[in-house]
Protein backbone atom coordinates (compact mmCIF):
# COMPACT_ATOMS: atom_id res chain seq x y z
CA MET A 1 111.40 69.32 111.28
CA SER A 2 112.00 68.71 107.58
CA ARG A 3 113.22 71.50 105.31
CA ARG A 4 109.94 71.31 103.36
CA HIS A 5 107.85 71.58 106.54
CA ALA A 6 109.97 74.46 107.84
CA SER A 7 109.52 76.31 104.53
CA LEU A 8 105.76 75.82 104.70
CA VAL A 9 105.65 77.21 108.25
CA PHE A 10 107.68 80.23 107.13
CA LEU A 11 105.36 80.91 104.18
CA LEU A 12 102.29 80.65 106.35
CA ALA A 13 103.82 82.99 108.90
CA PHE A 14 104.72 85.46 106.13
CA ALA A 15 101.20 85.28 104.73
CA MET A 16 99.81 86.18 108.14
CA VAL A 17 101.85 89.40 108.44
CA PRO A 18 99.30 91.62 106.63
CA LEU A 19 96.58 90.33 108.96
CA VAL A 20 98.55 91.43 111.99
CA LEU A 21 99.66 94.80 110.64
CA ALA A 22 96.57 95.88 108.71
CA GLN A 23 93.48 96.42 110.82
CA SER A 24 91.59 98.80 108.52
CA ASP A 25 89.92 98.19 105.17
CA LEU A 26 92.07 98.01 102.06
CA PRO A 27 92.00 101.45 100.35
CA GLY A 28 89.39 101.55 97.59
CA SER A 29 87.49 98.56 98.96
CA ARG A 30 83.89 98.51 100.18
CA ASP A 31 81.15 96.16 101.28
CA TYR A 32 78.82 94.96 98.55
CA PRO A 33 75.63 97.09 98.82
CA ALA A 34 72.89 95.51 100.94
CA ILE A 35 75.23 92.80 102.28
CA SER A 36 76.63 93.93 105.63
CA ARG A 37 79.75 92.39 107.11
CA MET A 38 80.15 90.44 110.31
CA PRO A 39 81.14 92.71 113.26
CA GLY A 40 84.85 92.83 114.06
CA TYR A 41 86.12 92.06 110.56
CA PHE A 42 88.01 94.21 108.05
CA ILE A 43 88.59 93.96 104.29
CA ASN A 44 92.00 92.43 103.69
CA ASN A 45 91.68 92.02 99.90
CA TYR A 46 89.25 93.27 97.26
CA LYS A 47 88.82 92.73 93.53
CA GLU A 48 86.04 94.01 91.28
CA THR A 49 85.76 92.86 87.65
CA GLU A 50 83.32 94.15 85.02
CA PHE A 51 82.77 90.66 83.60
CA ASP A 52 84.01 87.33 84.90
CA SER A 53 82.68 84.00 86.15
CA VAL A 54 82.55 82.10 89.43
CA LYS A 55 81.67 78.44 89.97
CA PHE A 56 79.00 78.08 92.65
CA PRO A 57 78.22 74.75 94.36
CA VAL A 58 74.51 73.98 94.04
CA THR A 59 72.59 71.10 95.61
CA GLN A 60 69.34 69.97 93.99
CA ASN A 61 67.44 66.80 94.90
CA GLY A 62 70.41 65.58 96.89
CA GLN A 63 72.79 66.00 93.94
CA ARG A 64 75.67 68.49 94.37
CA THR A 65 77.04 70.12 91.23
CA GLU A 66 78.79 73.35 90.24
CA GLN A 67 77.08 76.09 88.27
CA GLU A 68 79.22 78.69 86.52
CA ILE A 69 77.67 82.16 86.78
CA GLU A 70 78.87 85.07 84.62
CA GLY A 71 78.56 88.80 85.17
CA ARG A 72 79.98 91.66 87.22
CA THR A 73 82.10 90.04 89.92
CA ILE A 74 83.21 91.32 93.32
CA LYS A 75 85.53 89.21 95.49
CA ILE A 76 86.18 90.32 99.08
CA GLU A 77 88.35 88.78 101.80
CA TYR A 78 87.27 89.64 105.35
CA ARG A 79 89.68 88.96 108.21
CA LEU A 80 89.28 89.20 111.97
CA LYS A 81 90.67 92.28 113.73
CA ASP A 82 93.09 91.85 116.59
CA ASN A 83 91.33 91.35 119.91
CA ALA A 84 87.92 91.16 118.24
CA PRO A 85 85.71 88.23 119.28
CA ALA A 86 85.72 85.59 116.54
CA ALA A 87 82.48 84.26 115.14
CA SER A 88 82.37 80.53 114.57
CA MET A 89 82.29 79.26 111.00
CA LEU A 90 78.73 78.06 111.52
CA GLN A 91 77.73 81.43 112.97
CA ILE A 92 79.05 83.21 109.87
CA ILE A 93 77.27 80.85 107.49
CA ARG A 94 73.97 81.01 109.38
CA ASN A 95 74.04 84.82 109.53
CA PHE A 96 74.35 85.13 105.76
CA GLN A 97 71.77 82.41 105.11
CA ASP A 98 69.24 84.08 107.42
CA ALA A 99 69.88 87.48 105.80
CA ALA A 100 69.37 86.01 102.32
CA ARG A 101 66.08 84.36 103.30
CA ALA A 102 64.88 87.57 104.96
CA ALA A 103 65.52 89.37 101.66
CA GLY A 104 63.46 86.79 99.76
CA GLY A 105 66.52 84.90 98.54
CA GLN A 106 67.41 81.22 98.49
CA VAL A 107 70.06 79.00 100.06
CA LEU A 108 71.26 76.74 97.24
CA ASP A 109 74.06 74.86 98.99
CA GLU A 110 75.84 74.32 102.29
CA SER A 111 79.02 72.38 102.89
CA ARG A 112 81.18 71.82 105.99
CA ASP A 113 84.54 70.32 106.66
CA PRO A 114 86.67 70.76 109.80
CA SER A 115 88.45 73.91 108.58
CA PHE A 116 86.12 75.51 106.01
CA TYR A 117 82.36 76.03 105.70
CA THR A 118 80.68 77.31 102.52
CA THR A 119 77.23 78.35 101.42
CA THR A 120 75.75 79.46 98.08
CA LEU A 121 73.01 82.08 98.11
CA ARG A 122 70.87 83.61 95.38
CA ILE A 123 68.97 86.85 95.85
CA SER A 124 67.23 89.46 93.72
CA LYS A 125 68.46 93.04 94.05
CA ASN A 126 67.10 95.95 92.00
CA GLY A 127 65.88 93.55 89.33
CA LYS A 128 69.27 91.77 89.17
CA GLU A 129 69.93 88.12 89.92
CA VAL A 130 72.78 88.14 92.46
CA TRP A 131 74.73 85.02 93.46
CA VAL A 132 76.82 84.98 96.65
CA LEU A 133 79.38 82.41 97.78
CA ILE A 134 80.54 82.60 101.40
CA GLY A 135 83.55 80.63 102.57
CA ALA A 136 84.10 80.77 106.35
CA MET A 137 87.30 79.88 108.19
CA ASP A 138 88.69 80.38 111.70
CA ASN A 139 90.17 83.85 111.10
CA GLY A 140 87.68 85.29 108.64
CA TYR A 141 85.61 84.62 105.56
CA ASP A 142 85.69 85.12 101.80
CA GLN A 143 82.76 86.53 99.85
CA SER A 144 82.30 86.21 96.07
CA VAL A 145 79.40 88.10 94.49
CA VAL A 146 78.26 87.84 90.87
CA GLU A 147 75.58 90.11 89.39
CA ARG A 148 74.40 87.72 86.71
CA GLN A 149 74.34 89.22 83.23
CA ALA A 150 75.27 88.57 79.64
CA MET A 151 78.63 89.87 78.46
CA PRO A 152 78.36 93.46 77.17
CA GLN A 153 78.60 93.56 73.39
CA ALA A 154 81.94 95.22 72.65
CA ILE A 155 82.14 94.59 68.90
CA THR A 156 79.72 96.46 66.65
CA MET A 157 78.27 94.81 63.56
CA ASP A 158 79.44 96.77 60.54
CA ALA A 159 77.50 97.80 57.43
CA ALA A 160 78.73 94.77 55.50
CA GLY A 161 77.47 92.42 58.19
CA MET A 162 74.10 94.14 58.23
CA ALA A 163 73.86 93.91 54.43
CA SER A 164 74.70 90.20 54.56
CA GLY A 165 72.03 89.53 57.18
CA LEU A 166 69.36 91.42 55.26
CA SER A 167 70.30 89.62 52.05
CA SER A 168 70.20 86.15 53.59
CA SER A 169 67.21 86.39 55.93
CA GLY A 170 65.58 89.77 55.42
CA SER A 171 66.35 90.91 58.95
CA VAL A 172 69.30 91.43 61.27
CA ALA A 173 69.37 91.85 65.06
CA LEU A 174 71.54 94.63 66.47
CA TYR A 175 72.89 94.62 70.03
CA GLY A 176 74.86 97.85 69.79
CA ILE A 177 71.88 100.14 70.40
CA TYR A 178 71.66 101.10 74.07
CA PHE A 179 68.97 102.63 76.27
CA ASP A 180 68.62 103.12 80.01
CA SER A 181 66.11 100.81 81.67
CA ALA A 182 62.49 101.76 80.83
CA LYS A 183 63.65 104.76 78.74
CA SER A 184 63.78 105.48 75.01
CA ASP A 185 66.62 108.01 74.88
CA LEU A 186 69.63 106.68 72.98
CA LYS A 187 72.82 106.36 74.99
CA PRO A 188 76.08 107.72 73.53
CA GLU A 189 77.47 104.18 73.23
CA SER A 190 74.96 103.63 70.40
CA GLU A 191 76.81 105.95 68.00
CA PRO A 192 79.09 103.32 66.36
CA THR A 193 76.11 101.12 65.43
CA LEU A 194 74.04 104.09 64.25
CA ALA A 195 76.92 105.16 62.02
CA GLU A 196 77.07 101.68 60.46
CA ILE A 197 73.31 101.67 59.82
CA ALA A 198 73.63 105.04 58.10
CA LYS A 199 76.59 103.76 56.07
CA LEU A 200 74.52 100.78 54.91
CA LEU A 201 71.61 103.00 53.87
CA LYS A 202 73.89 105.36 51.97
CA GLN A 203 75.57 102.46 50.18
CA GLN A 204 72.15 101.13 49.12
CA PRO A 205 70.01 104.19 48.24
CA ALA A 206 66.98 102.08 47.27
CA LEU A 207 66.91 100.17 50.55
CA LYS A 208 63.97 100.78 52.89
CA VAL A 209 63.82 99.21 56.33
CA PHE A 210 61.62 98.76 59.34
CA ILE A 211 63.34 99.68 62.58
CA VAL A 212 61.82 97.17 65.01
CA GLY A 213 62.13 97.55 68.77
CA HIS A 214 62.03 94.53 71.10
CA THR A 215 61.95 94.26 74.90
CA ASP A 216 62.14 91.45 77.42
CA MET A 217 59.06 90.35 79.41
CA VAL A 218 59.88 92.27 82.58
CA GLY A 219 57.04 94.69 83.38
CA ASP A 220 53.66 95.37 81.82
CA PRO A 221 53.29 94.07 78.22
CA ALA A 222 51.36 97.16 77.08
CA ALA A 223 54.02 99.45 78.52
CA ASN A 224 56.72 97.38 76.82
CA LEU A 225 54.94 97.70 73.47
CA LYS A 226 54.86 101.46 73.87
CA LEU A 227 58.50 101.53 74.98
CA SER A 228 59.69 99.42 72.04
CA GLN A 229 57.87 101.72 69.61
CA ALA A 230 59.46 104.80 71.21
CA ARG A 231 62.91 103.24 71.06
CA ALA A 232 62.51 102.36 67.39
CA GLN A 233 61.42 105.95 66.72
CA SER A 234 64.47 107.28 68.59
CA VAL A 235 66.72 105.32 66.21
CA ILE A 236 64.92 106.81 63.22
CA THR A 237 65.17 110.33 64.63
CA ALA A 238 68.92 109.92 65.09
CA LEU A 239 69.41 108.54 61.57
CA VAL A 240 67.43 111.42 60.06
CA THR A 241 68.81 114.30 62.12
CA LYS A 242 72.45 113.22 62.55
CA TYR A 243 73.11 111.26 59.38
CA GLY A 244 70.76 112.79 56.83
CA ILE A 245 68.81 109.64 56.01
CA ALA A 246 65.39 110.34 54.45
CA ASP A 247 62.66 109.43 56.90
CA SER A 248 60.59 108.02 54.02
CA ARG A 249 63.02 105.08 53.98
CA LEU A 250 62.46 104.25 57.65
CA THR A 251 59.42 102.90 59.51
CA ALA A 252 59.28 102.36 63.27
CA PHE A 253 57.55 99.33 64.75
CA GLY A 254 57.38 98.26 68.37
CA ASN A 255 57.12 94.51 68.95
CA GLY A 256 57.48 94.67 72.72
CA PRO A 257 58.09 91.24 74.29
CA TYR A 258 56.23 89.25 71.64
CA ALA A 259 59.10 87.94 69.48
CA PRO A 260 61.73 86.56 71.91
CA VAL A 261 64.83 84.85 70.59
CA ALA A 262 65.70 83.31 73.98
CA SER A 263 64.05 82.37 77.26
CA ASN A 264 63.03 85.28 79.48
CA LYS A 265 63.70 83.15 82.57
CA THR A 266 67.40 84.10 82.68
CA GLU A 267 69.26 87.40 82.46
CA GLU A 268 71.22 86.08 79.48
CA GLY A 269 67.97 85.37 77.64
CA ARG A 270 66.43 88.70 78.57
CA ALA A 271 69.55 90.51 77.30
CA LYS A 272 69.21 88.78 73.92
CA ASN A 273 65.55 89.74 73.73
CA ARG A 274 66.28 93.44 74.32
CA ARG A 275 67.33 94.39 70.82
CA VAL A 276 66.70 96.51 67.75
CA GLU A 277 66.23 94.79 64.40
CA LEU A 278 66.49 95.98 60.84
CA VAL A 279 63.85 94.37 58.64
CA GLU A 280 64.06 94.90 54.92
CA PHE A 281 60.95 96.40 53.33
CA ALA A 282 60.68 94.24 50.23
CA THR A 283 57.53 93.06 48.46
CA ARG A 284 59.11 91.21 45.57
């Protein structure tokens, strides 16, 4: 046996030690909700990330490509317990495919080689588009889950940026105003953007603006119109009560889903459409 081959055998043996010693789930790990595990397997490794991407194999019209999906990501390694009956790679793949179809999901890809089977699944869960990649092997399987979404906006547009947008185009879209789904109460994370709006209005005492609410196309259009109006009014109420802006300078308008800036067919597009805009009130 060559030195290189002997080293490889040693590394593989070392890598298998945790599988022999650890027969319970890694502390802090858990199954992804609504996706149960195969019987006789435990969680050997677990990683959850607020925003990341995974490349999913997808086959369409006989053409196999990779599609990179972004969002909240959960990666789980399941390994077979000692003395537990092993499921075949095909059995693992078929179980997850059948479960996805039963939940109204789709099987977007399947691939097999002698030592590793994979499948890509897409399901809808609580209004979210969820992608799942299963990779099955002799002693277990890996599961990557991505809740597809646009990256949360971490940087707030400041008063100068708002002033520049109003000056150049008469309106500016803000993505730092947050509401819970189907609600009009402002979330605390909205405070930095509200403070910058107030700063802008105080720097320009003659400025009057429409506060325009926009939604995506999920749900009833009439309800979305009402919701967007209520959200715009919530922004005005906060500016008046917390920052002392005269309400005569502010007018609420709800545009609902009728002025999209992106396609509503994807979560990224819907996230861009859910916004609050400042529109300058100027007649000359």
